[in-house]
C-alpha atoms as a PDB file:
ATOM      1  CA  MET A   1     -89.928 -68.892 -12.925  1.00  0.00           C
ATOM      2  CA  PHE A   2     -90.382 -68.470 -16.613  1.00  0.00           C
ATOM      3  CA  GLN A   3     -92.962 -65.840 -15.904  1.00  0.00           C
ATOM      4  CA  LEU A   4     -90.488 -63.977 -13.661  1.00  0.00           C
ATOM      5  CA  PHE A   5     -87.858 -64.120 -16.408  1.00  0.00           C
ATOM      6  CA  GLN A   6     -90.362 -62.765 -18.865  1.00  0.00           C
ATOM      7  CA  GLU A   7     -91.187 -59.919 -16.558  1.00  0.00           C
ATOM      8  CA  ARG A   8     -87.583 -58.943 -16.020  1.00  0.00           C
ATOM      9  CA  ARG A   9     -86.352 -59.801 -19.484  1.00  0.00           C
ATOM     10  CA  SER A  10     -85.516 -56.205 -20.392  1.00  0.00           C
ATOM     11  CA  ALA A  11     -83.407 -55.607 -17.282  1.00  0.00           C
ATOM     12  CA  THR A  12     -81.598 -58.939 -17.748  1.00  0.00           C
ATOM     13  CA  LEU A  13     -80.733 -58.206 -21.361  1.00  0.00           C
ATOM     14  CA  LEU A  14     -79.509 -54.756 -20.438  1.00  0.00           C
ATOM     15  CA  ALA A  15     -77.141 -56.192 -17.772  1.00  0.00           C
ATOM     16  CA  ILE A  16     -75.801 -58.824 -20.211  1.00  0.00           C
ATOM     17  CA  LEU A  17     -75.146 -56.150 -22.849  1.00  0.00           C
ATOM     18  CA  PHE A  18     -73.320 -53.996 -20.325  1.00  0.00           C
ATOM     19  CA  LEU A  19     -70.998 -56.859 -19.273  1.00  0.00           C
ATOM     20  CA  VAL A  20     -70.218 -57.742 -22.893  1.00  0.00           C
ATOM     21  CA  SER A  21     -69.472 -54.104 -23.752  1.00  0.00           C
ATOM     22  CA  PHE A  22     -67.186 -53.698 -20.740  1.00  0.00           C
ATOM     23  CA  THR A  23     -65.268 -56.880 -21.625  1.00  0.00           C
ATOM     24  CA  LEU A  24     -64.845 -55.806 -25.270  1.00  0.00           C
ATOM     25  CA  MET A  25     -63.618 -52.346 -24.227  1.00  0.00           C
ATOM     26  CA  SER A  26     -61.045 -53.846 -21.884  1.00  0.00           C
ATOM     27  CA  LEU A  27     -59.752 -56.215 -24.566  1.00  0.00           C
ATOM     28  CA  SER A  28     -59.628 -53.377 -27.117  1.00  0.00           C
ATOM     29  CA  VAL A  29     -57.523 -51.157 -24.829  1.00  0.00           C
ATOM     30  CA  ARG A  30     -55.120 -53.991 -23.976  1.00  0.00           C
ATOM     31  CA  ARG A  31     -54.596 -54.815 -27.661  1.00  0.00           C
ATOM     32  CA  ARG A  32     -53.527 -51.218 -28.330  1.00  0.00           C
ATOM     33  CA  GLY A  33     -50.794 -51.467 -25.679  1.00  0.00           C
ATOM     34  CA  GLY A  34     -52.683 -49.550 -23.018  1.00  0.00           C
ATOM     35  CA  THR A  35     -53.718 -50.427 -19.518  1.00  0.00           C
ATOM     36  CA  THR A  36     -56.974 -51.947 -18.465  1.00  0.00           C
ATOM     37  CA  LEU A  37     -59.329 -50.045 -16.279  1.00  0.00           C
ATOM     38  CA  ILE A  38     -58.590 -52.417 -13.435  1.00  0.00           C
ATOM     39  CA  GLY A  39     -54.862 -51.809 -13.943  1.00  0.00           C
ATOM     40  CA  GLN A  40     -55.473 -48.074 -14.012  1.00  0.00           C
ATOM     41  CA  ALA A  41     -57.362 -48.273 -10.778  1.00  0.00           C
ATOM     42  CA  GLY A  42     -54.526 -50.295  -9.205  1.00  0.00           C
ATOM     43  CA  LEU A  43     -51.919 -47.827 -10.363  1.00  0.00           C
ATOM     44  CA  SER A  44     -53.948 -44.943  -9.023  1.00  0.00           C
ATOM     45  CA  MET A  45     -54.093 -46.607  -5.634  1.00  0.00           C
ATOM     46  CA  ALA A  46     -50.368 -47.508  -5.627  1.00  0.00           C
ATOM     47  CA  GLY A  47     -49.184 -44.103  -6.867  1.00  0.00           C
ATOM     48  CA  PRO A  48     -49.060 -42.293  -3.498  1.00  0.00           C
ATOM     49  CA  PHE A  49     -47.202 -45.202  -1.870  1.00  0.00           C
ATOM     50  CA  LEU A  50     -44.611 -45.257  -4.691  1.00  0.00           C
ATOM     51  CA  ASP A  51     -44.182 -41.473  -4.406  1.00  0.00           C
ATOM     52  CA  VAL A  52     -43.487 -41.723  -0.660  1.00  0.00           C
ATOM     53  CA  ALA A  53     -41.057 -44.607  -1.193  1.00  0.00           C
ATOM     54  CA  GLY A  54     -39.066 -42.619  -3.791  1.00  0.00           C
ATOM     55  CA  ALA A  55     -38.862 -39.429  -1.701  1.00  0.00           C
ATOM     56  CA  PRO A  56     -35.574 -40.311   0.139  1.00  0.00           C
ATOM     57  CA  GLN A  57     -33.825 -40.970  -3.166  1.00  0.00           C
ATOM     58  CA  ARG A  58     -35.011 -37.643  -4.556  1.00  0.00           C
ATOM     59  CA  TRP A  59     -33.931 -35.812  -1.398  1.00  0.00           C
ATOM     60  CA  THR A  60     -30.456 -37.399  -1.525  1.00  0.00           C
ATOM     61  CA  GLN A  61     -30.040 -36.533  -5.189  1.00  0.00           C
ATOM     62  CA  SER A  62     -31.148 -32.937  -4.554  1.00  0.00           C
ATOM     63  CA  PHE A  63     -28.764 -32.642  -1.565  1.00  0.00           C
ATOM     64  CA  TRP A  64     -25.732 -33.726  -3.585  1.00  0.00           C
ATOM     65  CA  GLN A  65     -26.651 -31.448  -6.470  1.00  0.00           C
ATOM     66  CA  ASN A  66     -26.886 -28.487  -4.063  1.00  0.00           C
ATOM     67  CA  TYR A  67     -23.617 -29.497  -2.364  1.00  0.00           C
ATOM     68  CA  ILE A  68     -21.757 -29.670  -5.690  1.00  0.00           C
ATOM     69  CA  ALA A  69     -23.213 -26.308  -6.714  1.00  0.00           C
ATOM     70  CA  LEU A  70     -22.183 -24.794  -3.346  1.00  0.00           C
ATOM     71  CA  GLN A  71     -18.634 -26.117  -3.747  1.00  0.00           C
ATOM     72  CA  GLY A  72     -18.487 -24.563  -7.196  1.00  0.00           C
ATOM     73  CA  LEU A  73     -19.643 -21.225  -5.778  1.00  0.00           C
ATOM     74  CA  ARG A  74     -17.028 -21.384  -2.996  1.00  0.00           C
ATOM     75  CA  GLU A  75     -14.255 -22.084  -5.494  1.00  0.00           C
ATOM     76  CA  GLU A  76     -15.435 -19.233  -7.691  1.00  0.00           C
ATOM     77  CA  ASN A  77     -15.619 -16.931  -4.662  1.00  0.00           C
ATOM     78  CA  THR A  78     -12.064 -17.865  -3.642  1.00  0.00           C
ATOM     79  CA  LYS A  79     -10.838 -17.201  -7.172  1.00  0.00           C
ATOM     80  CA  LEU A  80     -12.568 -13.820  -7.271  1.00  0.00           C
ATOM     81  CA  ASN A  81     -11.084 -12.870  -3.876  1.00  0.00           C
ATOM     82  CA  GLN A  82      -7.606 -13.794  -5.127  1.00  0.00           C
ATOM     83  CA  GLU A  83      -8.083 -11.725  -8.262  1.00  0.00           C
ATOM     84  CA  LEU A  84      -9.352  -8.824  -6.150  1.00  0.00           C
ATOM     85  CA  ALA A  85      -6.308  -9.053  -3.861  1.00  0.00           C
ATOM     86  CA  THR A  86      -4.036  -9.050  -6.914  1.00  0.00           C
ATOM     87  CA  LEU A  87      -5.770  -5.977  -8.306  1.00  0.00           C
ATOM     88  CA  ARG A  88      -5.472  -4.220  -4.953  1.00  0.00           C
ATOM     89  CA  GLY A  89      -1.790  -5.131  -4.779  1.00  0.00           C
ATOM     90  CA  ASN A  90      -1.241  -3.806  -8.286  1.00  0.00           C
ATOM     91  CA  SER A  91      -3.131  -0.649  -7.384  1.00  0.00           C
ATOM     92  CA  THR A  92      -0.922  -0.170  -4.303  1.00  0.00           C
ATOM     93  CA  GLN A  93       2.234  -0.682  -6.365  1.00  0.00           C
ATOM     94  CA  ILE A  94       1.050   1.741  -9.027  1.00  0.00           C
ATOM     95  CA  ARG A  95       0.232   4.338  -6.375  1.00  0.00           C
ATOM     96  CA  GLU A  96       3.653   3.821  -4.759  1.00  0.00           C
ATOM     97  CA  LEU A  97       5.342   4.331  -8.141  1.00  0.00           C
ATOM     98  CA  GLN A  98       3.368   7.532  -8.664  1.00  0.00           C
ATOM     99  CA  VAL A  99       4.408   8.817  -5.235  1.00  0.00           C
ATOM    100  CA  MET A 100       8.059   7.935  -5.924  1.00  0.00           C
ATOM    101  CA  VAL A 101       7.994   9.708  -9.293  1.00  0.00           C
ATOM    102  CA  GLU A 102       6.512  12.812  -7.681  1.00  0.00           C
ATOM    103  CA  ARG A 103       9.103  12.655  -4.898  1.00  0.00           C
ATOM    104  CA  LEU A 104      12.024  12.290  -7.319  1.00  0.00           C
ATOM    105  CA  GLU A 105      10.707  15.050  -9.566  1.00  0.00           C
ATOM    106  CA  GLY A 106      10.612  17.361  -6.551  1.00  0.00           C
ATOM    107  CA  LEU A 107      14.095  16.286  -5.484  1.00  0.00           C
ATOM    108  CA  MET A 108      15.680  16.781  -8.917  1.00  0.00           C
ATOM    109  CA  GLY A 109      13.662  19.904  -9.644  1.00  0.00           C
ATOM    110  CA  GLY A 110      15.132  21.685  -6.647  1.00  0.00           C
ATOM    111  CA  PHE A 111      18.593  21.613  -8.256  1.00  0.00           C
ATOM    112  CA  ARG A 112      17.691  21.876 -11.944  1.00  0.00           C
ATOM    113  CA  ASP A 113      19.799  25.024 -12.330  1.00  0.00           C
ATOM    114  CA  SER A 114      22.739  23.814 -10.263  1.00  0.00           C
ATOM    115  CA  GLU A 115      26.103  23.845 -12.023  1.00  0.00           C
ATOM    116  CA  ALA A 116      27.509  21.122  -9.774  1.00  0.00           C
ATOM    117  CA  PRO A 117      27.027  17.511 -10.994  1.00  0.00           C
ATOM    118  CA  MET A 118      24.606  15.491  -8.859  1.00  0.00           C
ATOM    119  CA  ARG A 119      24.149  11.782  -8.174  1.00  0.00           C
ATOM    120  CA  LEU A 120      20.890  10.394  -6.862  1.00  0.00           C
ATOM    121  CA  ALA A 121      21.339   7.966  -3.962  1.00  0.00           C
ATOM    122  CA  GLN A 122      18.919   5.713  -2.111  1.00  0.00           C
ATOM    123  CA  ILE A 123      19.028   5.516   1.673  1.00  0.00           C
ATOM    124  CA  VAL A 124      19.620   1.874   2.619  1.00  0.00           C
ATOM    125  CA  GLY A 125      20.338   2.204   6.333  1.00  0.00           C
ATOM    126  CA  ARG A 126      20.456   4.430   9.386  1.00  0.00           C
ATOM    127  CA  THR A 127      22.860   4.438  12.310  1.00  0.00           C
ATOM    128  CA  HIS A 128      22.408   5.867  15.780  1.00  0.00           C
ATOM    129  CA  SER A 129      25.095   6.813  18.248  1.00  0.00           C
ATOM    130  CA  PRO A 130      25.396   8.924  21.418  1.00  0.00           C
ATOM    131  CA  PHE A 131      26.676  11.750  19.229  1.00  0.00           C
ATOM    132  CA  GLY A 132      23.851  11.842  16.720  1.00  0.00           C
ATOM    133  CA  LYS A 133      22.609  10.191  13.558  1.00  0.00           C
ATOM    134  CA  SER A 134      23.949   9.207  10.160  1.00  0.00           C
ATOM    135  CA  ILE A 135      22.576   7.433   7.107  1.00  0.00           C
ATOM    136  CA  ILE A 136      23.938   4.833   4.704  1.00  0.00           C
ATOM    137  CA  VAL A 137      23.435   5.360   0.958  1.00  0.00           C
ATOM    138  CA  ASP A 138      23.851   2.982  -1.970  1.00  0.00           C
ATOM    139  CA  LEU A 139      26.708   4.843  -3.699  1.00  0.00           C
ATOM    140  CA  GLY A 140      30.409   4.356  -2.974  1.00  0.00           C
ATOM    141  CA  SER A 141      33.881   4.824  -4.388  1.00  0.00           C
ATOM    142  CA  THR A 142      33.046   2.806  -7.508  1.00  0.00           C
ATOM    143  CA  HIS A 143      30.449   5.484  -8.286  1.00  0.00           C
ATOM    144  CA  GLY A 144      32.881   8.356  -7.778  1.00  0.00           C
ATOM    145  CA  VAL A 145      31.840   9.294  -4.240  1.00  0.00           C
ATOM    146  CA  ARG A 146      34.548  10.872  -2.098  1.00  0.00           C
ATOM    147  CA  ARG A 147      34.824  11.936   1.529  1.00  0.00           C
ATOM    148  CA  ASN A 148      33.341  15.324   2.554  1.00  0.00           C
ATOM    149  CA  MET A 149      31.116  15.636  -0.519  1.00  0.00           C
ATOM    150  CA  PRO A 150      27.977  17.653   0.359  1.00  0.00           C
ATOM    151  CA  VAL A 151      24.652  15.810   0.564  1.00  0.00           C
ATOM    152  CA  VAL A 152      21.471  17.755  -0.149  1.00  0.00           C
ATOM    153  CA  HIS A 153      17.704  17.513  -0.463  1.00  0.00           C
ATOM    154  CA  GLN A 154      15.249  19.871  -2.156  1.00  0.00           C
ATOM    155  CA  ASN A 155      14.339  21.197   1.305  1.00  0.00           C
ATOM    156  CA  GLY A 156      17.925  21.961   2.245  1.00  0.00           C
ATOM    157  CA  LEU A 157      21.271  20.684   3.466  1.00  0.00           C
ATOM    158  CA  VAL A 158      21.422  17.071   4.709  1.00  0.00           C
ATOM    159  CA  GLY A 159      25.078  16.622   5.673  1.00  0.00           C
ATOM    160  CA  ARG A 160      28.382  15.435   4.242  1.00  0.00           C
ATOM    161  CA  VAL A 161      29.926  12.112   3.282  1.00  0.00           C
ATOM    162  CA  SER A 162      32.024  10.953   6.226  1.00  0.00           C
ATOM    163  CA  ARG A 163      33.045   7.422   5.190  1.00  0.00           C
ATOM    164  CA  VAL A 164      33.225   5.786   1.777  1.00  0.00           C
ATOM    165  CA  GLY A 165      33.059   2.098   0.910  1.00  0.00           C
ATOM    166  CA  ARG A 166      33.160   0.449  -2.478  1.00  0.00           C
ATOM    167  CA  ARG A 167      29.405   0.444  -3.012  1.00  0.00           C
ATOM    168  CA  VAL A 168      27.982   2.280   0.014  1.00  0.00           C
ATOM    169  CA  SER A 169      28.815   5.445   1.937  1.00  0.00           C
ATOM    170  CA  GLN A 170      28.031   6.937   5.323  1.00  0.00           C
ATOM    171  CA  VAL A 171      26.581  10.432   5.503  1.00  0.00           C
ATOM    172  CA  LEU A 172      27.049  12.499   8.661  1.00  0.00           C
ATOM    173  CA  LEU A 173      23.875  14.549   9.151  1.00  0.00           C
ATOM    174  CA  ILE A 174      23.894  18.182  10.217  1.00  0.00           C
ATOM    175  CA  THR A 175      21.935  16.997  13.268  1.00  0.00           C
ATOM    176  CA  ASP A 176      25.010  15.089  14.468  1.00  0.00           C
ATOM    177  CA  LEU A 177      26.916  16.638  17.393  1.00  0.00           C
ATOM    178  CA  ARG A 178      30.151  16.254  15.419  1.00  0.00           C
ATOM    179  CA  ASN A 179      28.865  18.408  12.562  1.00  0.00           C
ATOM    180  CA  SER A 180      28.405  22.172  12.236  1.00  0.00           C
ATOM    181  CA  VAL A 181      27.541  24.564   9.421  1.00  0.00           C
ATOM    182  CA  ASP A 182      28.542  28.199   8.955  1.00  0.00           C
ATOM    183  CA  ILE A 183      25.311  30.079   8.216  1.00  0.00           C
ATOM    184  CA  ILE A 184      23.957  33.459   7.176  1.00  0.00           C
ATOM    185  CA  VAL A 185      20.595  34.937   8.117  1.00  0.00           C
ATOM    186  CA  GLN A 186      19.155  35.376   4.645  1.00  0.00           C
ATOM    187  CA  ARG A 187      17.151  38.472   5.523  1.00  0.00           C
ATOM    188  CA  THR A 188      19.862  40.477   7.319  1.00  0.00           C
ATOM    189  CA  ARG A 189      23.121  38.655   6.403  1.00  0.00           C
ATOM    190  CA  GLU A 190      24.004  38.176  10.058  1.00  0.00           C
ATOM    191  CA  GLN A 191      26.406  35.237  10.473  1.00  0.00           C
ATOM    192  CA  GLY A 192      26.848  32.412  12.933  1.00  0.00           C
ATOM    193  CA  VAL A 193      27.353  28.645  13.217  1.00  0.00           C
ATOM    194  CA  PHE A 194      24.480  26.174  13.270  1.00  0.00           C
ATOM    195  CA  SER A 195      24.868  22.944  15.232  1.00  0.00           C
ATOM    196  CA  ILE A 196      22.966  20.550  17.482  1.00  0.00           C
ATOM    197  CA  SER A 197      23.294  21.054  21.234  1.00  0.00           C
ATOM    198  CA  SER A 198      23.677  18.336  23.845  1.00  0.00           C
ATOM    199  CA  LYS A 199      19.928  18.684  24.441  1.00  0.00           C
ATOM    200  CA  ASN A 200      19.291  17.634  20.815  1.00  0.00           C
ATOM    201  CA  THR A 201      18.019  21.060  19.783  1.00  0.00           C
ATOM    202  CA  GLY A 202      19.301  23.175  16.913  1.00  0.00           C
ATOM    203  CA  GLU A 203      21.047  26.379  17.902  1.00  0.00           C
ATOM    204  CA  VAL A 204      23.053  29.145  16.309  1.00  0.00           C
ATOM    205  CA  ARG A 205      26.289  29.984  18.080  1.00  0.00           C
ATOM    206  CA  TYR A 206      28.399  33.125  17.899  1.00  0.00           C
ATOM    207  CA  MET A 207      25.476  35.361  16.928  1.00  0.00           C
ATOM    208  CA  PRO A 208      26.104  38.855  18.365  1.00  0.00           C
ATOM    209  CA  SER A 209      23.666  39.938  21.057  1.00  0.00           C
ATOM    210  CA  ASP A 210      22.565  42.949  19.002  1.00  0.00           C
ATOM    211  CA  ALA A 211      22.146  40.916  15.772  1.00  0.00           C
ATOM    212  CA  ASP A 212      18.990  41.519  13.742  1.00  0.00           C
ATOM    213  CA  VAL A 213      17.403  38.080  13.758  1.00  0.00           C
ATOM    214  CA  LYS A 214      13.834  37.058  14.527  1.00  0.00           C
ATOM    215  CA  GLU A 215      11.599  34.035  14.598  1.00  0.00           C
ATOM    216  CA  GLY A 216      10.924  32.621  11.127  1.00  0.00           C
ATOM    217  CA  ASP A 217      14.183  33.838   9.558  1.00  0.00           C
ATOM    218  CA  LEU A 218      15.765  31.408   7.105  1.00  0.00           C
ATOM    219  CA  LEU A 219      19.363  30.384   7.709  1.00  0.00           C
ATOM    220  CA  ILE A 220      21.434  29.444   4.663  1.00  0.00           C
ATOM    221  CA  SER A 221      24.955  28.065   4.307  1.00  0.00           C
ATOM    222  CA  SER A 222      27.624  30.760   4.041  1.00  0.00           C
ATOM    223  CA  GLY A 223      30.164  28.729   2.060  1.00  0.00           C
ATOM    224  CA  LEU A 224      32.838  29.196   4.726  1.00  0.00           C
ATOM    225  CA  GLY A 225      34.870  26.160   5.719  1.00  0.00           C
ATOM    226  CA  GLY A 226      35.278  24.767   2.222  1.00  0.00           C
ATOM    227  CA  VAL A 227      32.778  21.890   2.614  1.00  0.00           C
ATOM    228  CA  PHE A 228      29.248  23.178   2.046  1.00  0.00           C
ATOM    229  CA  PRO A 229      28.526  25.457  -0.916  1.00  0.00           C
ATOM    230  CA  LYS A 230      26.935  28.830  -0.288  1.00  0.00           C
ATOM    231  CA  GLY A 231      23.190  29.390  -0.435  1.00  0.00           C
ATOM    232  CA  LEU A 232      21.764  26.054   0.750  1.00  0.00           C
ATOM    233  CA  SER A 233      18.828  26.144   3.192  1.00  0.00           C
ATOM    234  CA  VAL A 234      19.933  24.917   6.607  1.00  0.00           C
ATOM    235  CA  ALA A 235      17.388  25.844   9.272  1.00  0.00           C
ATOM    236  CA  ARG A 236      14.662  28.255  10.262  1.00  0.00           C
ATOM    237  CA  VAL A 237      14.737  30.314  13.473  1.00  0.00           C
ATOM    238  CA  THR A 238      12.198  29.146  16.063  1.00  0.00           C
ATOM    239  CA  GLU A 239      13.241  31.282  19.044  1.00  0.00           C
ATOM    240  CA  THR A 240      15.561  34.188  19.701  1.00  0.00           C
ATOM    241  CA  ARG A 241      16.391  35.994  22.918  1.00  0.00           C
ATOM    242  CA  ARG A 242      18.904  38.671  23.792  1.00  0.00           C
ATOM    243  CA  ASN A 243      21.040  38.161  26.903  1.00  0.00           C
ATOM    244  CA  GLU A 244      22.137  41.495  28.352  1.00  0.00           C
ATOM    245  CA  ASP A 245      24.968  39.972  30.345  1.00  0.00           C
ATOM    246  CA  ARG A 246      26.305  37.808  27.511  1.00  0.00           C
ATOM    247  CA  LEU A 247      28.252  38.531  24.391  1.00  0.00           C
ATOM    248  CA  PHE A 248      26.156  36.349  22.081  1.00  0.00           C
ATOM    249  CA  ARG A 249      22.454  36.121  21.409  1.00  0.00           C
ATOM    250  CA  ARG A 250      20.518  32.922  22.125  1.00  0.00           C
ATOM    251  CA  VAL A 251      19.066  31.634  18.854  1.00  0.00           C
ATOM    252  CA  LEU A 252      17.275  28.312  18.406  1.00  0.00           C
ATOM    253  CA  ALA A 253      16.528  26.921  14.952  1.00  0.00           C
ATOM    254  CA  LYS A 254      14.951  23.853  13.350  1.00  0.00           C
ATOM    255  CA  PRO A 255      16.481  22.184  10.248  1.00  0.00           C
ATOM    256  CA  THR A 256      14.488  22.678   7.052  1.00  0.00           C
ATOM    257  CA  VAL A 257      14.891  18.981   6.189  1.00  0.00           C
ATOM    258  CA  ASP A 258      12.709  16.400   7.911  1.00  0.00           C
ATOM    259  CA  PHE A 259      15.295  13.659   8.429  1.00  0.00           C
ATOM    260  CA  ASN A 260      12.693  11.116   9.524  1.00  0.00           C
ATOM    261  CA  LYS A 261      11.085  11.188   6.055  1.00  0.00           C
ATOM    262  CA  LEU A 262      14.216  10.993   3.920  1.00  0.00           C
ATOM    263  CA  GLU A 263      14.230   8.190   1.331  1.00  0.00           C
ATOM    264  CA  GLU A 264      16.495   9.565  -1.400  1.00  0.00           C
ATOM    265  CA  ILE A 265      19.167  12.265  -1.382  1.00  0.00           C
ATOM    266  CA  LEU A 266      21.524  13.940  -3.836  1.00  0.00           C
ATOM    267  CA  ILE A 267      25.304  13.872  -3.537  1.00  0.00           C
ATOM    268  CA  MET A 268      27.076  16.864  -4.996  1.00  0.00           C
ATOM    269  CA  MET A 269      29.930  15.310  -6.971  1.00  0.00           C
ATOM    270  CA  VAL A 270      32.410  18.064  -6.106  1.00  0.00           C
ATOM    271  CA  GLU A 271      35.910  17.023  -5.095  1.00  0.00           C
ATOM    272  CA  GLN A 272      36.625  18.238  -1.593  1.00  0.00           C
ATOM    273  CA  LYS A 273      39.997  18.870  -0.030  1.00  0.00           C
ATOM    274  CA  GLU A 274      40.834  17.227   3.261  1.00  0.00           C
ATOM    275  CA  ASN A 275      42.472  20.528   4.278  1.00  0.00           C
ATOM    276  CA  PRO A 276      40.868  23.597   2.659  1.00  0.00           C
ATOM    277  CA  TRP A 277      43.982  25.674   3.501  1.00  0.00           C
ATOM    278  CA  LYS A 278      46.139  23.721   1.053  1.00  0.00           C
END
């Protein structure tokens, strides 16, 4: 036995030295607040299991963070859409104001040189009857409006005031069956009476069969009758035909004013007599 120990003495001493060194190294690491090699090996083996166990918590936390961020983006998107709608609304209002200014400038510019005083009126209503059409404007007796005052537009004659209230008035259009206008053919000075027929078409009555009138001629007010002043555009000839067996020529005409697009008009503040013969 002793002989065997002697033979393997070097290997035995080497093993003892290795165990002592390992023990000292472990104690040294532990004293410095570290982890022993055995502890490190245990942690390395437990690490994957701990990572898998903590995955659900990490997924839940990530889900809620993404949800809160998504809610914030939705709120911001809603706010931006509201601001965009406001800007579009403001843009529409600004454009509408520009159009109104242009429209009013055209309306007032058409009578810049007129000697008669004018009042701008807004159309607030329209009435329809079997006889024709009329409009309601936002000026009345408190504004100085009186019955039979002429109503005009930059494109021509609109009608006359037929009824007056305190703050509103009714305007009888020249397209009403109860209204008629004495006219002159501007080019040739031929005369007649413009009115609306029962078929709702404009026509010129009492035009002699040999009168010089042709398609496209402008008809203006003659000033006869004491209601409408002379020189206002009334209608434009669309068709003319001579009837050999009749005394008067057939003349059709279309008003120069588009009554479906009227929004504002001008009232000529000229006192009119109920009976022009007095």
